[in-house]
Protein backbone atom coordinates (compact mmCIF):
# COMPACT_ATOMS: atom_id res chain seq x y z
CA MET A 1 -16.84 -12.54 -0.93
CA ALA A 2 -16.36 -12.99 2.81
CA ALA A 3 -14.70 -10.33 4.93
CA GLN A 4 -10.93 -10.70 5.03
CA PRO A 5 -9.12 -11.63 8.27
CA GLU A 6 -8.20 -8.68 10.49
CA GLY A 7 -4.94 -7.07 9.35
CA THR A 8 -5.19 -8.25 5.72
CA PRO A 9 -4.45 -5.55 3.12
CA VAL A 10 -7.82 -4.94 1.44
CA TRP A 11 -7.70 -1.60 -0.40
CA ALA A 12 -5.46 1.22 -1.64
CA ASP A 13 -6.17 4.78 -2.70
CA ALA A 14 -4.30 8.02 -3.25
CA MET A 15 -5.02 11.75 -3.26
CA PHE A 16 -3.98 13.77 -6.30
CA ALA A 17 -4.26 17.49 -6.96
CA ASP A 18 -4.47 16.60 -10.66
CA VAL A 19 -6.86 13.64 -10.69
CA GLU A 20 -7.14 13.63 -14.49
CA GLY A 21 -3.34 13.51 -14.73
CA ALA A 22 -3.22 10.59 -12.30
CA LYS A 23 -5.89 8.73 -14.28
CA SER A 24 -3.94 9.26 -17.49
CA PHE A 25 -0.64 8.10 -15.92
CA TYR A 26 -1.91 4.99 -14.15
CA GLY A 27 -4.20 4.14 -17.03
CA ALA A 28 -1.18 3.99 -19.33
CA VAL A 29 1.22 2.27 -16.88
CA LEU A 30 -1.13 -0.23 -15.23
CA GLY A 31 -3.95 -0.53 -17.76
CA TRP A 32 -6.55 0.99 -15.46
CA THR A 33 -9.92 2.35 -16.46
CA PHE A 34 -11.97 4.56 -14.16
CA GLY A 35 -15.55 4.78 -13.00
CA GLU A 36 -17.62 7.90 -12.43
CA ALA A 37 -16.50 10.26 -9.67
CA ALA A 38 -18.73 9.92 -6.59
CA SER A 39 -19.53 13.57 -5.85
CA GLU A 40 -21.21 12.70 -2.53
CA PHE A 41 -17.92 11.16 -1.38
CA GLY A 42 -15.48 13.91 -2.37
CA ASN A 43 -15.27 12.81 -6.04
CA TYR A 44 -13.79 9.47 -5.03
CA THR A 45 -13.10 7.60 -8.28
CA GLN A 46 -12.51 3.86 -8.48
CA ALA A 47 -9.94 2.30 -10.79
CA TYR A 48 -10.61 -0.96 -12.58
CA ARG A 49 -8.51 -3.55 -14.38
CA ASP A 50 -10.48 -5.86 -16.65
CA GLY A 51 -13.66 -4.69 -14.95
CA LYS A 52 -12.49 -5.46 -11.41
CA ALA A 53 -12.04 -2.75 -8.77
CA VAL A 54 -8.33 -2.48 -7.89
CA ALA A 55 -7.77 0.97 -6.31
CA ALA A 56 -9.10 4.54 -6.23
CA VAL A 57 -7.99 8.13 -6.76
CA VAL A 58 -9.46 11.22 -5.13
CA PRO A 59 -8.82 14.98 -4.97
CA PRO A 60 -6.98 16.11 -1.82
CA MET A 61 -8.89 17.08 1.29
CA PRO A 62 -8.63 20.76 2.29
CA GLY A 63 -5.20 21.41 3.77
CA ALA A 64 -3.68 18.30 2.17
CA GLU A 65 -2.93 19.75 -1.26
CA GLY A 66 0.38 18.66 -2.74
CA GLN A 67 0.65 15.57 -0.55
CA SER A 68 0.15 12.76 -3.05
CA ALA A 69 0.76 9.35 -1.49
CA TRP A 70 -0.69 5.86 -1.71
CA CYS A 71 -2.55 4.68 1.39
CA LEU A 72 -2.97 0.99 2.19
CA TYR A 73 -6.03 -0.10 4.17
CA LEU A 74 -5.97 -3.09 6.52
CA ALA A 75 -9.09 -5.08 7.30
CA SER A 76 -10.92 -4.78 10.60
CA PRO A 77 -14.15 -6.34 11.87
CA ASP A 78 -14.70 -3.27 14.08
CA VAL A 79 -12.95 0.03 13.32
CA GLY A 80 -13.92 1.42 16.73
CA ALA A 81 -12.14 -1.42 18.52
CA THR A 82 -9.15 -1.10 16.19
CA ALA A 83 -9.01 2.64 16.94
CA ASP A 84 -8.74 1.84 20.64
CA LYS A 85 -5.91 -0.63 20.00
CA ILE A 86 -4.09 1.95 17.86
CA ARG A 87 -4.27 4.53 20.66
CA ASN A 88 -3.35 2.01 23.36
CA ASN A 89 -0.20 0.98 21.48
CA GLY A 90 1.21 4.44 20.86
CA GLY A 91 -0.37 5.17 17.49
CA GLU A 92 -2.19 8.33 16.45
CA LEU A 93 -5.57 8.67 14.76
CA LEU A 94 -5.45 11.11 11.83
CA MET A 95 -9.11 10.50 11.01
CA GLU A 96 -11.53 9.10 13.58
CA PRO A 97 -13.69 6.14 12.57
CA MET A 98 -16.13 7.29 9.92
CA GLN A 99 -18.94 5.52 8.10
CA VAL A 100 -18.84 5.81 4.30
CA GLY A 101 -22.45 5.29 3.27
CA ASP A 102 -23.25 1.60 3.10
CA PHE A 103 -19.79 0.85 1.65
CA GLY A 104 -18.15 0.40 5.05
CA SER A 105 -16.30 2.32 7.77
CA MET A 106 -12.75 3.63 7.82
CA LEU A 107 -10.09 5.42 9.81
CA LEU A 108 -6.66 6.81 9.05
CA ALA A 109 -3.79 6.38 11.51
CA ARG A 110 -0.07 6.80 12.02
CA ASP A 111 2.14 4.26 13.79
CA PRO A 112 4.63 5.42 16.48
CA GLY A 113 7.38 5.61 13.84
CA GLY A 114 5.38 7.87 11.51
CA VAL A 115 3.95 5.34 9.03
CA VAL A 116 0.47 6.35 7.78
CA PHE A 117 -2.08 3.64 6.96
CA GLY A 118 -5.82 3.12 6.79
CA VAL A 119 -8.25 0.64 8.33
CA TRP A 120 -11.35 -0.60 6.52
CA GLN A 121 -14.39 -2.35 7.97
CA ALA A 122 -16.23 -3.73 4.97
CA GLY A 123 -19.88 -3.08 4.26
CA THR A 124 -20.98 -3.52 0.66
CA HIS A 125 -17.45 -2.62 -0.51
CA LYS A 126 -15.32 -5.65 0.33
CA GLY A 127 -12.06 -4.21 -1.05
CA PHE A 128 -9.89 -5.44 -3.91
CA GLU A 129 -11.85 -7.40 -6.52
CA ALA A 130 -8.55 -8.61 -7.96
CA SER A 131 -5.07 -8.99 -6.51
CA GLY A 132 -1.85 -10.76 -7.41
CA GLU A 133 -2.33 -10.22 -11.14
CA PRO A 134 -1.25 -7.56 -13.66
CA GLY A 135 -2.78 -4.16 -12.94
CA ALA A 136 -3.83 -5.14 -9.41
CA TYR A 137 -2.41 -4.94 -5.89
CA ALA A 138 0.45 -7.39 -5.41
CA TRP A 139 2.26 -6.65 -2.13
CA ALA A 140 3.13 -3.90 0.34
CA GLU A 141 5.94 -3.06 2.75
CA VAL A 142 6.14 -0.74 5.73
CA PHE A 143 9.19 1.48 5.18
CA THR A 144 10.33 2.90 8.53
CA ARG A 145 13.40 4.44 10.13
CA GLU A 146 12.34 3.06 13.52
CA PRO A 147 11.65 -0.63 12.84
CA GLU A 148 11.44 -1.56 16.50
CA LYS A 149 8.40 0.72 16.86
CA SER A 150 6.58 -0.76 13.85
CA ASP A 151 7.53 -4.29 14.95
CA ALA A 152 5.88 -3.71 18.32
CA PHE A 153 2.88 -1.75 17.04
CA PHE A 154 1.50 -3.70 14.08
CA PRO A 155 1.54 -7.15 15.74
CA ALA A 156 -0.07 -5.68 18.86
CA VAL A 157 -2.89 -4.05 16.86
CA PHE A 158 -3.49 -6.69 14.19
CA GLY A 159 -2.28 -9.93 15.77
CA TYR A 160 0.58 -10.55 13.35
CA SER A 161 3.41 -12.95 13.99
CA SER A 162 6.69 -11.98 12.35
CA GLN A 163 9.72 -13.53 10.69
CA ARG A 164 13.12 -12.00 9.97
CA MET A 165 15.02 -12.41 6.73
CA GLU A 166 18.46 -13.93 7.39
CA ASP A 167 20.47 -11.27 5.55
CA ASP A 168 23.11 -9.08 7.20
CA LYS A 169 22.78 -6.40 4.49
CA ILE A 170 19.16 -5.41 5.13
CA ASP A 171 16.79 -5.27 8.08
CA PHE A 172 13.65 -6.87 6.65
CA LYS A 173 10.78 -8.74 8.29
CA VAL A 174 7.43 -10.10 7.20
CA TYR A 175 4.20 -9.98 9.16
CA ASN A 176 2.03 -13.11 9.03
CA LEU A 177 -1.57 -13.99 9.79
CA GLY A 178 -1.53 -17.70 10.50
CA ASP A 179 0.31 -19.29 7.58
CA ALA A 180 -0.29 -16.32 5.27
CA THR A 181 2.38 -13.63 4.81
CA VAL A 182 0.47 -10.37 4.41
CA LEU A 183 2.93 -7.47 4.77
CA GLY A 184 6.64 -6.67 4.74
CA ARG A 185 8.64 -4.30 6.95
CA MET A 186 11.82 -2.68 5.65
CA LYS A 187 14.20 -0.45 7.60
CA MET A 188 15.00 2.80 5.77
CA GLU A 189 18.78 2.93 5.93
CA GLU A 190 20.90 6.09 6.01
CA ASP A 191 21.17 6.24 2.22
CA PHE A 192 17.40 6.81 2.00
CA PRO A 193 16.70 10.49 1.15
CA PRO A 194 16.06 12.25 4.49
CA GLU A 195 13.15 14.24 3.05
CA VAL A 196 11.20 11.03 2.35
CA PRO A 197 8.94 10.27 5.34
CA PRO A 198 8.17 6.74 6.51
CA TYR A 199 5.45 5.20 4.33
CA VAL A 200 3.80 2.03 3.10
CA ASN A 201 5.22 1.04 -0.29
CA VAL A 202 2.42 -0.45 -2.41
CA TYR A 203 3.32 -2.83 -5.25
CA PHE A 204 1.14 -3.28 -8.33
CA GLY A 205 1.50 -6.24 -10.67
CA VAL A 206 2.62 -5.81 -14.28
CA ASP A 207 3.21 -8.15 -17.22
CA ASP A 208 6.65 -6.68 -17.97
CA CYS A 209 8.53 -4.68 -15.34
CA ASP A 210 10.96 -3.02 -17.75
CA ALA A 211 8.22 -1.98 -20.16
CA ALA A 212 6.13 -0.56 -17.30
CA VAL A 213 9.12 1.42 -16.00
CA GLN A 214 9.84 2.83 -19.46
CA LYS A 215 6.19 3.86 -19.87
CA ALA A 216 6.17 5.50 -16.42
CA VAL A 217 9.39 7.44 -17.08
CA ASP A 218 8.17 8.52 -20.52
CA LEU A 219 5.08 9.97 -18.83
CA GLY A 220 7.02 11.95 -16.23
CA GLY A 221 7.52 9.37 -13.50
CA VAL A 222 10.85 8.96 -11.73
CA LEU A 223 12.70 5.65 -11.38
CA ARG A 224 13.94 5.33 -7.78
CA PHE A 225 15.31 1.77 -7.77
CA GLY A 226 15.65 -1.13 -10.18
CA PRO A 227 14.49 -2.86 -12.21
CA MET A 228 15.89 -5.77 -10.25
CA SER A 229 15.21 -9.50 -10.46
CA THR A 230 14.64 -11.33 -7.17
CA PRO A 231 13.22 -14.69 -6.05
CA PHE A 232 9.86 -12.90 -5.64
CA GLY A 233 9.80 -11.32 -9.11
CA ARG A 234 11.33 -8.51 -11.14
CA PHE A 235 10.44 -5.17 -9.57
CA ALA A 236 11.19 -1.46 -9.59
CA ALA A 237 10.39 1.47 -7.29
CA LEU A 238 8.98 4.63 -8.85
CA SER A 239 7.44 8.00 -8.11
CA ASP A 240 4.58 9.18 -10.27
CA PRO A 241 4.59 12.72 -11.77
CA GLN A 242 2.83 14.09 -8.66
CA GLY A 243 5.32 12.51 -6.25
CA ALA A 244 3.42 9.46 -5.01
CA SER A 245 5.74 6.49 -4.46
CA PHE A 246 4.78 3.01 -5.64
CA SER A 247 6.40 -0.11 -7.04
CA VAL A 248 5.69 -2.46 -9.93
CA ILE A 249 6.45 -6.16 -9.97
CA ASP A 250 6.35 -8.92 -12.55
CA ALA A 251 5.94 -11.93 -10.28
CA SER A 252 6.41 -14.36 -13.17
CA THR A 253 10.06 -13.33 -13.74
CA THR A 254 12.08 -14.65 -10.79
CA GLU A 255 15.78 -15.14 -10.14
CA GLY A 256 17.72 -16.77 -7.30
CA ASP A 257 16.73 -18.85 -4.29
CA MET A 258 14.12 -17.80 -1.78
CA PRO A 259 15.74 -16.26 1.31
CA LYS A 260 15.74 -18.04 4.62
CA MET A 261 13.34 -16.67 7.22
CA SER A 262 13.56 -17.20 10.96
CA PRO A 263 11.08 -16.41 13.75
CA ALA A 264 11.51 -12.88 15.02
């Protein structure tokens, strides 16, 4: 598998104080199985769906206990060069570029509006082995209260072009690489709980959105929005029992016409 174009979402992981609890929850909701914990890499544990690597869970780093959140990683051919672009465009490095064995190199960063994300330069680990199918990564959106900052930052760092959805009710854009739409950007309006920081909302595919939501709620998750049918699929936003936000989407169940997009 060739390296993905710069700025393409290629991996997702999350820290959990209760890793076994997270494995049980996501195993039931998304059908994941888990590999052995890699003790030399902080007990990093990969999740699989039908034998394909789709995500990972890991215990929190010292000082980060109780901060469960999904992190999306964007592809880079050179994490050092990407780090420079992040700094030069007003971003902040939370973790300097670091080599992870022969798997690849990574960094963690925050955009000028407070959105945390990762960058991955692939070595032997190319990223998602499956995407766009049940149990695997489907889509992601930057949720920010300062959209103008994200709209300047991400295209400057990753070379995205952008399009705006023609809808007066929401402030939503997509970021494109060539003809491929790779990421969404949603403004967090005033009705968004003020205690929720800006974040990247990661969507995972499911066969049945309503059934997945019911399973998640039965296991201690919290339904935040939906389920709702859209032209893109039927989706819902959730928090897992440890507070990490994520969404599920059944892309096969669609309703309505695709929205009009215009250059932004």
